[in-house]
Amino acid sequence: MKDNYDFSQGKRGAVIPTSPHQIKINIELDRDILNWFQAKVHEAGGGDYHELINQALREHIQQQPRQTLHSVH
């Protein structure tokens, strides 16, 4: 390990840019829900639990009547 590191060329913020189709929000989830998604990612050998949550929400929306999706603003 070095005694000093040069961060003068470093950049603040996320290392991986967010997709233009995504938006960052803060959301409160129950701990058991978050744990379940994180465990599924771990069981699969890695990945992104955010993607699993998006997939679950998308599947739920697709099961709803068509008018529900269009009426949400």
C-alpha atoms as a PDB file:
ATOM      1  CA  MET A   1       0.000   0.000   0.000  1.00  0.00           C
ATOM      2  CA  LYS A   2       1.263   3.463  -0.859  1.00  0.00           C
ATOM      3  CA  ASP A   3       1.713   6.174   1.739  1.00  0.00           C
ATOM      4  CA  ASN A   4      -0.014   8.730  -0.530  1.00  0.00           C
ATOM      5  CA  TYR A   5      -2.452   8.553  -3.419  1.00  0.00           C
ATOM      6  CA  ASP A   6      -3.060  11.197  -6.081  1.00  0.00           C
ATOM      7  CA  PHE A   7      -6.772  11.867  -6.556  1.00  0.00           C
ATOM      8  CA  SER A   8      -6.285  15.144  -8.438  1.00  0.00           C
ATOM      9  CA  GLN A   9      -7.612  13.564 -11.668  1.00  0.00           C
ATOM     10  CA  GLY A  10     -10.469  11.749  -9.909  1.00  0.00           C
ATOM     11  CA  LYS A  11     -14.120  12.371 -10.689  1.00  0.00           C
ATOM     12  CA  ARG A  12     -16.965  12.538  -8.187  1.00  0.00           C
ATOM     13  CA  GLY A  13     -20.136  10.583  -8.638  1.00  0.00           C
ATOM     14  CA  ALA A  14     -21.158   7.169  -9.846  1.00  0.00           C
ATOM     15  CA  VAL A  15     -18.550   5.033 -11.550  1.00  0.00           C
ATOM     16  CA  ILE A  16     -21.138   3.504 -13.891  1.00  0.00           C
ATOM     17  CA  PRO A  17     -23.379   6.082 -15.568  1.00  0.00           C
ATOM     18  CA  THR A  18     -27.136   5.690 -15.249  1.00  0.00           C
ATOM     19  CA  SER A  19     -29.023   4.612 -18.352  1.00  0.00           C
ATOM     20  CA  PRO A  20     -30.925   7.467 -20.026  1.00  0.00           C
ATOM     21  CA  HIS A  21     -34.083   5.378 -19.505  1.00  0.00           C
ATOM     22  CA  GLN A  22     -33.608   5.332 -15.742  1.00  0.00           C
ATOM     23  CA  ILE A  23     -34.062   7.958 -13.066  1.00  0.00           C
ATOM     24  CA  LYS A  24     -32.552   7.965  -9.596  1.00  0.00           C
ATOM     25  CA  ILE A  25     -35.015   8.182  -6.723  1.00  0.00           C
ATOM     26  CA  ASN A  26     -34.980   7.464  -3.030  1.00  0.00           C
ATOM     27  CA  ILE A  27     -37.430   4.768  -2.009  1.00  0.00           C
ATOM     28  CA  GLU A  28     -38.089   3.161   1.334  1.00  0.00           C
ATOM     29  CA  LEU A  29     -38.442  -0.617   1.252  1.00  0.00           C
ATOM     30  CA  ASP A  30     -39.047  -2.999   4.102  1.00  0.00           C
ATOM     31  CA  ARG A  31     -35.815  -4.706   5.121  1.00  0.00           C
ATOM     32  CA  ASP A  32     -37.174  -8.192   4.371  1.00  0.00           C
ATOM     33  CA  ILE A  33     -38.084  -7.152   0.807  1.00  0.00           C
ATOM     34  CA  LEU A  34     -34.633  -5.735   0.120  1.00  0.00           C
ATOM     35  CA  ASN A  35     -32.976  -8.775   1.714  1.00  0.00           C
ATOM     36  CA  TRP A  36     -34.991 -11.089  -0.553  1.00  0.00           C
ATOM     37  CA  PHE A  37     -33.859  -9.319  -3.737  1.00  0.00           C
ATOM     38  CA  GLN A  38     -30.253  -9.145  -2.566  1.00  0.00           C
ATOM     39  CA  ALA A  39     -30.315 -12.864  -1.690  1.00  0.00           C
ATOM     40  CA  LYS A  40     -31.636 -13.713  -5.170  1.00  0.00           C
ATOM     41  CA  VAL A  41     -28.744 -11.812  -6.743  1.00  0.00           C
ATOM     42  CA  HIS A  42     -26.284 -13.581  -4.443  1.00  0.00           C
ATOM     43  CA  GLU A  43     -27.790 -17.010  -5.293  1.00  0.00           C
ATOM     44  CA  ALA A  44     -27.428 -16.214  -8.993  1.00  0.00           C
ATOM     45  CA  GLY A  45     -23.719 -15.521  -8.504  1.00  0.00           C
ATOM     46  CA  GLY A  46     -23.926 -11.756  -8.824  1.00  0.00           C
ATOM     47  CA  GLY A  47     -25.794  -9.060 -10.616  1.00  0.00           C
ATOM     48  CA  ASP A  48     -27.838  -6.034  -9.691  1.00  0.00           C
ATOM     49  CA  TYR A  49     -30.737  -6.234  -7.246  1.00  0.00           C
ATOM     50  CA  HIS A  50     -32.056  -2.955  -8.660  1.00  0.00           C
ATOM     51  CA  GLU A  51     -32.578  -4.743 -11.962  1.00  0.00           C
ATOM     52  CA  LEU A  52     -34.516  -7.516 -10.214  1.00  0.00           C
ATOM     53  CA  ILE A  53     -36.760  -4.960  -8.519  1.00  0.00           C
ATOM     54  CA  ASN A  54     -37.361  -3.252 -11.892  1.00  0.00           C
ATOM     55  CA  GLN A  55     -38.199  -6.622 -13.450  1.00  0.00           C
ATOM     56  CA  ALA A  56     -40.649  -7.507 -10.657  1.00  0.00           C
ATOM     57  CA  LEU A  57     -42.384  -4.131 -10.945  1.00  0.00           C
ATOM     58  CA  ARG A  58     -42.562  -4.400 -14.739  1.00  0.00           C
ATOM     59  CA  GLU A  59     -44.111  -7.890 -14.516  1.00  0.00           C
ATOM     60  CA  HIS A  60     -46.649  -6.600 -12.003  1.00  0.00           C
ATOM     61  CA  ILE A  61     -47.586  -3.665 -14.255  1.00  0.00           C
ATOM     62  CA  GLN A  62     -47.947  -5.936 -17.298  1.00  0.00           C
ATOM     63  CA  GLN A  63     -50.474  -8.056 -15.391  1.00  0.00           C
ATOM     64  CA  GLN A  64     -52.669  -5.014 -14.713  1.00  0.00           C
ATOM     65  CA  PRO A  65     -55.431  -3.760 -17.004  1.00  0.00           C
ATOM     66  CA  ARG A  66     -54.019  -1.644 -19.843  1.00  0.00           C
ATOM     67  CA  GLN A  67     -55.776   1.523 -18.645  1.00  0.00           C
ATOM     68  CA  THR A  68     -53.866   1.452 -15.342  1.00  0.00           C
ATOM     69  CA  LEU A  69     -50.504   2.046 -17.020  1.00  0.00           C
ATOM     70  CA  HIS A  70     -51.762   5.000 -19.081  1.00  0.00           C
ATOM     71  CA  SER A  71     -53.608   6.670 -16.226  1.00  0.00           C
ATOM     72  CA  VAL A  72     -50.507   6.932 -14.023  1.00  0.00           C
ATOM     73  CA  HIS A  73     -48.715  10.294 -14.341  1.00  0.00           C
END
